Amino acid sequence: MARYRDLREWLEIVDGKGQLARIDGAHWDLEIGAITDMVCKSHDLKPALLFDKVVGHPSGYRLLSSSLNSIQRLALTCGMPADIADLEFVRTWTRHVQGLQPIPPRVVQSGTVLENVYEGDQIDMLKFPSPRWHDLDGGRYIGTATMIITRDPDNGELNVGCYRIMVYDGRMLGMLISLQHGGAYHRRKWFARGKPCPAVISFGHDPLLFMAAATPLAHGKNELSWAGGIRGEPVEVIEGALTGLPIPASSEIAVEGFFLPDDQRPEGPFGEFTGYYASGERPEPAFRVDRLMHRNDPILLGAPRGRPPDDPTFWQTRFKASAIWEGLEAAGVPDIQGVWCHHPNSSFFTVISIKQRYAGHARQAGLVAQNCRAGIGFSRWMIVVDEDIDPSNIDDVLWALSTRADPERAIEITRFNLNNPLDTARAPENRIHSSRCVIEACRAWEWKERFPVVAETKRELADEVRRKWSERIWRTKGAAR
């Protein structure tokens, strides 16, 4: 069963753990973005940030950012033990999603999202504290952790996606949806019929719903059912009065409306997951809000992209590593000990730990990881290490890379791979393909048994010493741990 029912119960638990910072009086123009960015890049505890009394907005119209930037908050959201370690989270999550039984959403007649309802000229999207996150943004972005729900006009299949949303005025919004995403596919189908495309957007909700919307699922899988399977109970939804599309009943802010085929407006620029302004301003179909619903004292959920680590980095790194681990095992690669992605929402720099079983095992793991469903996008660097290396510990990884990888034999470069148009390492006119690299940073198989022994304190002795001396050393006031 769910540990909490909605965003507000989630916030109560987080506040009780001392992981919520309340900030009054920040400015929507750059200041909220700067605070969020600084917290994301802090090496200390990264609290969730709840902004209220935002300059120019009524008290009670709030914004939450940095929601999932701690292992405790991520564990709470995913139903994991609060004290779980990073790599163990990836391992446990991989097993969990492999056996996940989806639970379809449950339609209810009412919900807290209907506490305030506006239609037509009553609608004012500018009353919400939408930030201009960074100084080169094309405008104010109300949507960075959204759920956009559309329906295929042919077969009725739903898609739930997470796309950035700019505010133009009180009723009109702009949205970038890459052509390969389900929302764009549905929109093209509606436009081909000469009709506007209906959609529902939720702007504030349980962080699990944000993760469901932003996590690529296999074709045909329903994101709301996936979230229900994680929660252990159905996500309650109401049917939109204008579109018939499902709306999370406990959403803080939600709208119904239509993408307009004959109204294109400039959207962007905005930061991308690569950490750059990799795509500029371009015309996109405008979205007209025809019905606005929100709770009393609504909370807008934000998760802006930028130079990593950015707001979504923490959870997306772990989810991506889990998906690659699952892909490796599905392809039959044995004895995977751990997987870690050192860049968010992509496999730019992925480390795989294996227990070597045969000649070629390490290279096989790297090449399969590059080409499994989760790794096929930005798989620029795949580092394969032995089981004694913690793939999430960059010091461990660099030590293995420096002492076990002979460049002449360890490096495999593949060419003409599928690429992403946001690839900043290649000129814009040369981004159709990319090269990738697998590095074997393992003990060489041919003489593995003669490889020098590591000089280190064994784990059993380390545990014993820690128990005996922790009061004098690790708990000494001011001592670093």
Protein backbone atom coordinates (compact mmCIF):
# COMPACT_ATOMS: atom_id res chain seq x y z
CA MET A 1 0.00 0.00 0.00
CA ALA A 2 1.07 3.60 -0.57
CA ARG A 3 3.08 5.29 2.16
CA TYR A 4 1.29 8.59 1.46
CA ARG A 5 -1.70 9.65 -0.61
CA ASP A 6 -0.68 12.89 -2.31
CA LEU A 7 1.99 15.57 -2.57
CA ARG A 8 0.94 17.19 0.70
CA GLU A 9 1.26 14.00 2.73
CA TRP A 10 4.62 13.43 1.02
CA LEU A 11 5.72 16.90 2.12
CA GLU A 12 4.61 16.24 5.71
CA ILE A 13 6.80 13.14 5.86
CA VAL A 14 9.75 14.93 4.26
CA ASP A 15 9.35 17.86 6.68
CA GLY A 16 9.27 15.41 9.60
CA LYS A 17 12.64 14.05 8.44
CA GLY A 18 14.13 17.56 8.48
CA GLN A 19 14.54 17.60 4.69
CA LEU A 20 12.26 20.49 3.72
CA ALA A 21 13.44 24.10 3.49
CA ARG A 22 10.69 26.77 3.38
CA ILE A 23 11.71 29.96 1.56
CA ASP A 24 9.53 33.08 1.58
CA GLY A 25 9.94 36.11 -0.65
CA ALA A 26 12.15 34.81 -3.46
CA HIS A 27 11.72 36.33 -6.92
CA TRP A 28 10.39 34.25 -9.79
CA ASP A 29 12.85 35.93 -12.17
CA LEU A 30 16.14 33.97 -11.86
CA GLU A 31 16.31 33.96 -8.03
CA ILE A 32 14.29 30.74 -7.55
CA GLY A 33 16.35 29.14 -10.32
CA ALA A 34 19.63 30.23 -8.71
CA ILE A 35 18.64 28.86 -5.28
CA THR A 36 17.55 25.56 -6.82
CA ASP A 37 20.77 25.30 -8.82
CA MET A 38 22.97 26.02 -5.80
CA VAL A 39 21.21 23.39 -3.67
CA CYS A 40 21.48 20.78 -6.45
CA LYS A 41 25.23 21.35 -6.65
CA SER A 42 25.76 21.37 -2.87
CA HIS A 43 27.75 18.51 -1.32
CA ASP A 44 25.72 18.71 1.89
CA LEU A 45 22.17 17.51 2.48
CA LYS A 46 20.08 18.75 -0.43
CA PRO A 47 16.69 19.70 1.06
CA ALA A 48 13.50 19.93 -0.90
CA LEU A 49 12.70 23.62 -1.47
CA LEU A 50 9.19 24.98 -0.90
CA PHE A 51 8.87 28.59 -2.09
CA ASP A 52 6.00 30.78 -0.85
CA LYS A 53 5.16 34.48 -1.02
CA VAL A 54 6.96 34.61 -4.35
CA VAL A 55 7.41 38.21 -5.48
CA GLY A 56 4.37 39.30 -7.50
CA HIS A 57 2.20 36.35 -6.48
CA PRO A 58 -0.35 35.74 -3.71
CA SER A 59 0.72 34.05 -0.49
CA GLY A 60 -0.13 30.36 -0.65
CA TYR A 61 0.62 30.01 -4.37
CA ARG A 62 3.71 27.87 -3.88
CA LEU A 63 6.46 26.15 -5.87
CA LEU A 64 8.37 22.99 -4.91
CA SER A 65 11.78 22.22 -6.42
CA SER A 66 14.68 19.87 -5.59
CA SER A 67 12.05 17.32 -4.58
CA LEU A 68 13.98 14.09 -5.27
CA ASN A 69 17.58 15.07 -4.52
CA SER A 70 18.20 12.71 -1.59
CA ILE A 71 18.21 8.94 -1.27
CA GLN A 72 15.76 9.20 1.64
CA ARG A 73 13.17 11.12 -0.42
CA LEU A 74 13.70 8.89 -3.44
CA ALA A 75 13.29 5.79 -1.25
CA LEU A 76 10.10 7.22 0.27
CA THR A 77 8.66 7.86 -3.18
CA CYS A 78 9.57 4.40 -4.50
CA GLY A 79 8.66 2.41 -1.39
CA MET A 80 12.24 1.48 -0.50
CA PRO A 81 13.91 1.38 2.96
CA ALA A 82 14.96 4.88 4.05
CA ASP A 83 18.52 3.77 4.89
CA ILE A 84 19.20 2.02 1.57
CA ALA A 85 22.62 2.67 -0.02
CA ASP A 86 22.92 4.13 -3.52
CA LEU A 87 24.09 1.06 -5.42
CA GLU A 88 21.77 -1.20 -3.44
CA PHE A 89 18.88 1.07 -4.47
CA VAL A 90 19.75 0.45 -8.14
CA ARG A 91 19.99 -3.31 -7.55
CA THR A 92 16.70 -3.47 -5.62
CA TRP A 93 14.87 -1.18 -8.03
CA THR A 94 15.98 -3.34 -10.97
CA ARG A 95 14.50 -6.45 -9.33
CA HIS A 96 11.37 -4.55 -8.36
CA VAL A 97 10.51 -3.24 -11.83
CA GLN A 98 11.31 -6.62 -13.44
CA GLY A 99 8.49 -8.21 -11.45
CA LEU A 100 6.18 -5.20 -11.37
CA GLN A 101 2.48 -5.88 -11.79
CA PRO A 102 0.79 -2.75 -13.18
CA ILE A 103 -2.37 -1.57 -11.43
CA PRO A 104 -4.75 0.39 -13.68
CA PRO A 105 -6.00 3.79 -12.47
CA ARG A 106 -9.34 3.99 -10.70
CA VAL A 107 -11.92 6.52 -11.91
CA VAL A 108 -13.52 8.53 -9.11
CA GLN A 109 -16.21 11.19 -9.28
CA SER A 110 -14.39 13.95 -7.46
CA GLY A 111 -11.05 14.99 -5.99
CA THR A 112 -9.23 17.83 -4.32
CA VAL A 113 -8.10 19.15 -7.70
CA LEU A 114 -11.68 20.41 -8.14
CA GLU A 115 -11.56 22.79 -5.16
CA ASN A 116 -11.28 25.66 -7.67
CA VAL A 117 -12.50 25.42 -11.27
CA TYR A 118 -12.30 28.11 -13.96
CA GLU A 119 -13.31 28.13 -17.62
CA GLY A 120 -12.85 30.42 -20.59
CA ASP A 121 -11.96 34.01 -19.79
CA GLN A 122 -11.85 33.25 -16.04
CA ILE A 123 -8.57 31.39 -16.59
CA ASP A 124 -5.29 33.07 -15.61
CA MET A 125 -2.20 30.87 -15.83
CA LEU A 126 -0.03 33.87 -14.88
CA LYS A 127 -1.19 33.73 -11.26
CA PHE A 128 1.05 30.73 -10.61
CA PRO A 129 4.71 31.45 -9.71
CA SER A 130 6.26 30.17 -12.92
CA PRO A 131 10.01 30.90 -12.81
CA ARG A 132 12.40 32.14 -15.41
CA TRP A 133 14.97 29.59 -14.31
CA HIS A 134 18.08 30.78 -16.20
CA ASP A 135 18.94 34.09 -17.82
CA LEU A 136 18.84 32.90 -21.43
CA ASP A 137 15.46 31.15 -21.11
CA GLY A 138 12.95 32.28 -23.71
CA GLY A 139 10.35 33.06 -21.05
CA ARG A 140 8.73 31.80 -17.86
CA TYR A 141 8.37 28.02 -17.67
CA ILE A 142 5.40 26.72 -15.69
CA GLY A 143 6.12 23.16 -16.78
CA THR A 144 9.34 21.32 -15.96
CA ALA A 145 7.99 18.37 -13.92
CA THR A 146 4.68 17.95 -15.69
CA MET A 147 2.36 15.15 -16.76
CA ILE A 148 0.91 15.67 -20.25
CA ILE A 149 -1.77 13.13 -21.13
CA THR A 150 -2.94 12.58 -24.70
CA ARG A 151 -4.95 9.90 -26.51
CA ASP A 152 -4.42 8.20 -29.87
CA PRO A 153 -7.49 9.11 -31.98
CA ASP A 154 -7.36 5.75 -33.76
CA ASN A 155 -7.08 3.17 -30.97
CA GLY A 156 -7.68 5.22 -27.82
CA GLU A 157 -4.25 4.40 -26.35
CA LEU A 158 -3.07 6.91 -23.74
CA ASN A 159 0.36 8.46 -23.49
CA VAL A 160 1.73 10.23 -20.43
CA GLY A 161 4.82 12.36 -21.04
CA CYS A 162 6.90 15.06 -19.38
CA TYR A 163 7.60 18.03 -21.67
CA ARG A 164 8.67 21.59 -20.93
CA ILE A 165 5.94 24.24 -20.99
CA MET A 166 6.28 28.01 -21.47
CA VAL A 167 3.63 30.54 -20.44
CA TYR A 168 2.63 33.04 -23.16
CA ASP A 169 -0.29 34.72 -21.42
CA GLY A 170 -3.28 33.93 -19.24
CA ARG A 171 -4.57 31.09 -21.44
CA MET A 172 -1.90 30.19 -23.99
CA LEU A 173 1.04 27.86 -23.39
CA GLY A 174 3.95 26.68 -25.56
CA MET A 175 5.39 23.19 -25.45
CA LEU A 176 8.36 21.39 -27.01
CA ILE A 177 7.67 17.72 -27.72
CA SER A 178 10.41 15.90 -29.63
CA LEU A 179 9.08 14.09 -32.68
CA GLN A 180 9.90 10.60 -31.35
CA HIS A 181 7.76 11.01 -28.24
CA GLY A 182 4.24 9.66 -27.88
CA GLY A 183 2.64 13.05 -27.30
CA ALA A 184 3.97 14.35 -30.63
CA TYR A 185 2.79 11.18 -32.39
CA HIS A 186 -0.76 11.66 -31.06
CA ARG A 187 -0.71 15.36 -31.91
CA ARG A 188 0.28 14.66 -35.53
CA LYS A 189 -2.62 12.22 -35.85
CA TRP A 190 -5.16 14.75 -34.60
CA PHE A 191 -3.75 17.48 -36.85
CA ALA A 192 -3.86 15.14 -39.87
CA ARG A 193 -7.61 14.91 -39.30
CA GLY A 194 -7.82 18.70 -39.29
CA LYS A 195 -8.72 18.76 -35.60
CA PRO A 196 -7.11 20.26 -32.50
CA CYS A 197 -5.40 17.74 -30.22
CA PRO A 198 -7.00 17.38 -26.77
CA ALA A 199 -4.69 17.07 -23.78
CA VAL A 200 -4.64 17.21 -19.99
CA ILE A 201 -1.68 18.71 -18.12
CA SER A 202 -0.93 18.27 -14.41
CA PHE A 203 1.53 20.82 -13.00
CA GLY A 204 1.76 19.65 -9.38
CA HIS A 205 1.42 16.08 -8.11
CA ASP A 206 2.98 13.18 -6.24
CA PRO A 207 6.66 13.08 -7.34
CA LEU A 208 6.11 9.44 -8.35
CA LEU A 209 3.78 10.66 -11.11
CA PHE A 210 6.52 13.00 -12.32
CA MET A 211 8.91 10.04 -12.48
CA ALA A 212 6.31 7.94 -14.32
CA ALA A 213 5.81 10.68 -16.92
CA ALA A 214 9.56 11.19 -17.41
CA THR A 215 10.58 7.50 -17.50
CA PRO A 216 10.59 5.86 -20.97
CA LEU A 217 8.45 2.72 -20.81
CA ALA A 218 8.12 -0.01 -23.42
CA HIS A 219 5.53 0.67 -26.12
CA GLY A 220 2.04 -0.19 -24.92
CA LYS A 221 2.75 0.23 -21.22
CA ASN A 222 0.60 2.75 -19.38
CA GLU A 223 2.44 5.19 -17.12
CA LEU A 224 -0.48 5.60 -14.71
CA SER A 225 -0.72 1.81 -14.33
CA TRP A 226 3.04 1.65 -13.80
CA ALA A 227 2.77 4.24 -11.03
CA GLY A 228 -0.08 2.26 -9.49
CA GLY A 229 2.09 -0.85 -9.46
CA ILE A 230 4.84 1.06 -7.63
CA ARG A 231 2.36 2.52 -5.12
CA GLY A 232 0.64 -0.81 -4.56
CA GLU A 233 -2.78 0.71 -5.24
CA PRO A 234 -4.52 2.47 -8.14
CA VAL A 235 -3.88 6.11 -8.97
CA GLU A 236 -7.24 7.81 -8.56
CA VAL A 237 -8.30 9.90 -11.55
CA ILE A 238 -11.30 11.92 -12.61
CA GLU A 239 -12.45 12.12 -16.21
CA GLY A 240 -11.95 15.54 -17.77
CA ALA A 241 -15.22 17.33 -18.44
CA LEU A 242 -13.98 18.64 -21.82
CA THR A 243 -11.65 15.90 -23.05
CA GLY A 244 -12.61 12.73 -21.16
CA LEU A 245 -8.93 12.25 -20.41
CA PRO A 246 -7.83 11.09 -16.93
CA ILE A 247 -6.75 13.75 -14.44
CA PRO A 248 -5.02 12.78 -11.16
CA ALA A 249 -7.71 13.48 -8.56
CA SER A 250 -5.17 14.80 -6.04
CA SER A 251 -3.31 17.00 -8.52
CA GLU A 252 -2.43 20.45 -7.21
CA ILE A 253 -2.93 22.20 -10.56
CA ALA A 254 -4.36 20.71 -13.76
CA VAL A 255 -5.76 21.98 -17.04
CA GLU A 256 -7.70 20.68 -20.00
CA GLY A 257 -7.25 22.17 -23.42
CA PHE A 258 -6.20 21.71 -27.02
CA PHE A 259 -3.12 21.97 -29.20
CA LEU A 260 -4.09 24.22 -32.11
CA PRO A 261 -2.93 23.13 -35.61
CA ASP A 262 -3.12 26.65 -37.07
CA ASP A 263 -1.52 28.62 -34.24
CA GLN A 264 2.25 28.29 -34.02
CA ARG A 265 4.28 30.46 -31.63
CA PRO A 266 7.98 30.72 -30.75
CA GLU A 267 9.06 28.33 -27.98
CA GLY A 268 12.46 28.31 -26.25
CA PRO A 269 15.30 28.43 -25.77
CA PHE A 270 15.54 26.39 -22.59
CA GLY A 271 18.23 24.26 -20.97
CA GLU A 272 18.50 20.64 -22.10
CA PHE A 273 19.52 17.52 -20.17
CA THR A 274 22.98 17.80 -21.73
CA GLY A 275 23.54 20.95 -19.65
CA TYR A 276 23.49 23.31 -22.63
CA TYR A 277 21.07 25.46 -24.58
CA ALA A 278 21.32 22.92 -27.34
CA SER A 279 18.18 23.93 -29.23
CA GLY A 280 17.08 27.51 -29.80
CA GLU A 281 13.77 29.21 -30.38
CA ARG A 282 11.47 27.61 -32.92
CA PRO A 283 7.75 27.66 -33.76
CA GLU A 284 5.59 25.08 -31.98
CA PRO A 285 1.81 24.49 -31.91
CA ALA A 286 0.24 26.62 -29.18
CA PHE A 287 -1.84 25.04 -26.42
CA ARG A 288 -5.05 26.79 -25.38
CA VAL A 289 -6.24 26.23 -21.80
CA ASP A 290 -10.03 25.84 -21.72
CA ARG A 291 -10.47 24.57 -18.15
CA LEU A 292 -8.28 25.22 -15.11
CA MET A 293 -8.54 23.29 -11.83
CA HIS A 294 -6.46 23.72 -8.71
CA ARG A 295 -6.42 23.04 -4.99
CA ASN A 296 -6.59 25.75 -2.38
CA ASP A 297 -3.06 27.08 -1.81
CA PRO A 298 -1.74 25.17 -4.86
CA ILE A 299 1.79 23.84 -5.22
CA LEU A 300 3.56 23.96 -8.59
CA LEU A 301 6.20 21.25 -9.02
CA GLY A 302 9.42 22.28 -10.75
CA ALA A 303 12.49 20.38 -11.98
CA PRO A 304 14.54 22.55 -14.36
CA ARG A 305 17.29 21.22 -16.60
CA GLY A 306 20.78 22.73 -16.73
CA ARG A 307 24.43 22.01 -16.14
CA PRO A 308 24.55 18.79 -14.07
CA PRO A 309 23.91 18.02 -11.38
CA ASP A 310 20.54 19.66 -12.01
CA ASP A 311 17.18 19.07 -10.36
CA PRO A 312 16.27 15.67 -11.92
CA THR A 313 19.85 14.32 -11.86
CA PHE A 314 19.61 12.35 -8.63
CA TRP A 315 16.74 10.04 -9.50
CA GLN A 316 17.29 9.83 -13.27
CA THR A 317 20.90 8.65 -12.79
CA ARG A 318 19.67 5.74 -10.71
CA PHE A 319 16.72 4.88 -12.96
CA LYS A 320 18.92 4.88 -16.07
CA ALA A 321 21.48 2.60 -14.41
CA SER A 322 18.70 0.22 -13.40
CA ALA A 323 17.29 0.13 -16.94
CA ILE A 324 20.73 -0.70 -18.41
CA TRP A 325 21.24 -3.41 -15.76
CA GLU A 326 17.88 -4.90 -16.72
CA GLY A 327 18.84 -4.75 -20.42
CA LEU A 328 22.14 -6.55 -19.80
CA GLU A 329 20.44 -9.39 -17.94
CA ALA A 330 17.67 -9.63 -20.55
CA ALA A 331 20.39 -10.11 -23.20
CA GLY A 332 21.93 -12.94 -21.19
CA VAL A 333 25.10 -11.21 -19.96
CA PRO A 334 25.92 -13.06 -16.70
CA ASP A 335 27.20 -11.96 -13.30
CA ILE A 336 26.47 -8.24 -13.42
CA GLN A 337 27.51 -6.88 -10.03
CA GLY A 338 26.43 -3.27 -10.47
CA VAL A 339 25.69 -0.50 -12.97
CA TRP A 340 26.03 3.23 -12.48
CA CYS A 341 25.47 6.22 -14.78
CA HIS A 342 27.61 9.24 -14.00
CA HIS A 343 25.46 11.57 -16.09
CA PRO A 344 21.70 12.14 -15.70
CA ASN A 345 19.04 10.91 -18.10
CA SER A 346 21.57 9.39 -20.46
CA SER A 347 24.34 6.83 -20.60
CA PHE A 348 27.08 9.32 -21.54
CA PHE A 349 29.39 7.80 -18.92
CA THR A 350 28.25 4.40 -17.63
CA VAL A 351 30.22 2.00 -15.45
CA ILE A 352 29.41 -1.71 -15.30
CA SER A 353 30.86 -4.00 -12.67
CA ILE A 354 31.07 -7.70 -13.55
CA LYS A 355 32.52 -10.89 -12.17
CA GLN A 356 34.51 -12.13 -15.16
CA ARG A 357 33.51 -15.60 -16.29
CA TYR A 358 35.15 -16.01 -19.69
CA ALA A 359 37.37 -14.32 -22.26
CA GLY A 360 35.50 -11.44 -23.88
CA HIS A 361 32.98 -11.14 -21.06
CA ALA A 362 33.95 -7.53 -20.24
CA ARG A 363 33.79 -6.34 -23.84
CA GLN A 364 30.51 -8.14 -24.36
CA ALA A 365 29.00 -6.32 -21.36
CA GLY A 366 30.09 -2.93 -22.67
CA LEU A 367 28.87 -3.49 -26.23
CA VAL A 368 25.51 -4.91 -25.12
CA ALA A 369 25.00 -2.02 -22.70
CA GLN A 370 25.56 0.44 -25.56
CA ASN A 371 22.90 -1.22 -27.66
CA CYS A 372 20.20 -2.26 -25.22
CA ARG A 373 17.00 -0.19 -25.22
CA ALA A 374 18.08 1.98 -22.28
CA GLY A 375 21.61 2.58 -23.55
CA ILE A 376 21.12 3.11 -27.23
CA GLY A 377 20.83 6.92 -27.11
CA PHE A 378 23.89 8.66 -25.67
CA SER A 379 26.20 5.73 -24.88
CA ARG A 380 29.44 7.59 -25.42
CA TRP A 381 31.62 5.99 -22.72
CA MET A 382 31.06 2.49 -21.30
CA ILE A 383 33.60 1.49 -18.64
CA VAL A 384 33.64 -2.16 -17.50
CA VAL A 385 35.29 -2.94 -14.15
CA ASP A 386 35.81 -5.95 -11.88
CA GLU A 387 33.55 -6.89 -9.00
CA ASP A 388 35.84 -5.28 -6.41
CA ILE A 389 35.17 -1.84 -7.91
CA ASP A 390 32.15 0.18 -6.80
CA PRO A 391 30.83 1.60 -10.10
CA SER A 392 29.20 4.53 -8.26
CA ASN A 393 32.52 5.58 -6.68
CA ILE A 394 34.38 7.68 -9.24
CA ASP A 395 37.65 7.33 -7.28
CA ASP A 396 37.37 3.54 -7.56
CA VAL A 397 36.55 3.79 -11.25
CA LEU A 398 39.47 6.09 -12.09
CA TRP A 399 41.84 3.86 -10.11
CA ALA A 400 40.72 0.81 -12.12
CA LEU A 401 40.95 2.79 -15.35
CA SER A 402 44.47 3.91 -14.50
CA THR A 403 45.88 0.56 -13.34
CA ARG A 404 43.96 -2.13 -15.27
CA ALA A 405 43.29 -0.61 -18.70
CA ASP A 406 46.11 -0.78 -21.23
CA PRO A 407 44.89 1.62 -23.97
CA GLU A 408 46.26 -0.53 -26.82
CA ARG A 409 44.09 -3.52 -25.91
CA ALA A 410 41.38 -2.06 -23.67
CA ILE A 411 39.65 0.42 -25.97
CA GLU A 412 36.99 -0.51 -28.52
CA ILE A 413 35.58 2.31 -30.67
CA THR A 414 32.40 1.75 -32.66
CA ARG A 415 31.25 4.10 -35.40
CA PHE A 416 28.05 5.11 -37.21
CA ASN A 417 25.88 4.64 -34.13
CA LEU A 418 22.43 6.11 -33.62
CA ASN A 419 22.85 9.67 -32.37
CA ASN A 420 20.80 12.40 -30.72
CA PRO A 421 20.29 15.85 -32.31
CA LEU A 422 21.37 17.45 -29.00
CA ASP A 423 24.90 15.98 -29.29
CA THR A 424 27.18 18.93 -28.53
CA ALA A 425 30.38 16.99 -29.31
CA ARG A 426 29.58 17.08 -33.03
CA ALA A 427 28.82 19.97 -35.35
CA PRO A 428 25.07 20.46 -35.94
CA GLU A 429 25.35 19.32 -39.56
CA ASN A 430 27.09 16.07 -38.52
CA ARG A 431 24.83 14.63 -35.82
CA ILE A 432 23.18 11.79 -37.70
CA HIS A 433 25.71 9.27 -36.36
CA SER A 434 28.15 9.16 -33.47
CA SER A 435 31.09 7.13 -32.26
CA ARG A 436 31.15 5.28 -28.95
CA CYS A 437 33.83 3.77 -26.76
CA VAL A 438 34.00 0.68 -24.57
CA ILE A 439 36.93 0.52 -22.14
CA GLU A 440 37.86 -2.69 -20.37
CA ALA A 441 39.17 -1.53 -16.99
CA CYS A 442 39.25 -5.10 -15.67
CA ARG A 443 42.15 -7.37 -14.79
CA ALA A 444 43.28 -8.79 -18.14
CA TRP A 445 41.61 -12.18 -18.57
CA GLU A 446 44.75 -13.78 -20.04
CA TRP A 447 46.72 -13.34 -16.83
CA LYS A 448 43.99 -12.53 -14.32
CA GLU A 449 45.19 -15.10 -11.81
CA ARG A 450 48.68 -13.55 -11.77
CA PHE A 451 47.47 -9.97 -11.42
CA PRO A 452 48.96 -8.20 -8.35
CA VAL A 453 46.96 -8.42 -5.14
CA VAL A 454 45.31 -5.21 -3.94
CA ALA A 455 46.86 -3.65 -0.85
CA GLU A 456 43.92 -2.76 1.34
CA THR A 457 42.23 -3.38 4.68
CA LYS A 458 39.83 -6.29 4.36
CA ARG A 459 36.15 -5.53 4.90
CA GLU A 460 35.80 -7.78 7.96
CA LEU A 461 38.65 -6.02 9.76
CA ALA A 462 37.35 -2.60 8.72
CA ASP A 463 33.95 -3.43 10.24
CA GLU A 464 35.58 -4.62 13.44
CA VAL A 465 37.76 -1.50 13.73
CA ARG A 466 34.80 0.75 13.05
CA ARG A 467 32.81 -0.88 15.84
CA LYS A 468 35.76 -0.61 18.25
CA TRP A 469 37.02 2.89 17.46
CA SER A 470 34.10 4.81 15.98
CA GLU A 471 33.42 6.76 19.19
CA ARG A 472 36.96 8.11 19.25
CA ILE A 473 37.49 8.68 15.53
CA TRP A 474 34.39 9.00 13.36
CA ARG A 475 32.18 10.58 15.99
CA THR A 476 34.77 13.02 17.25
CA LYS A 477 33.39 16.52 16.96
CA GLY A 478 34.60 18.13 13.75
CA ALA A 479 36.13 14.93 12.34
CA ALA A 480 35.46 14.16 8.67
CA ARG A 481 33.83 10.83 7.91
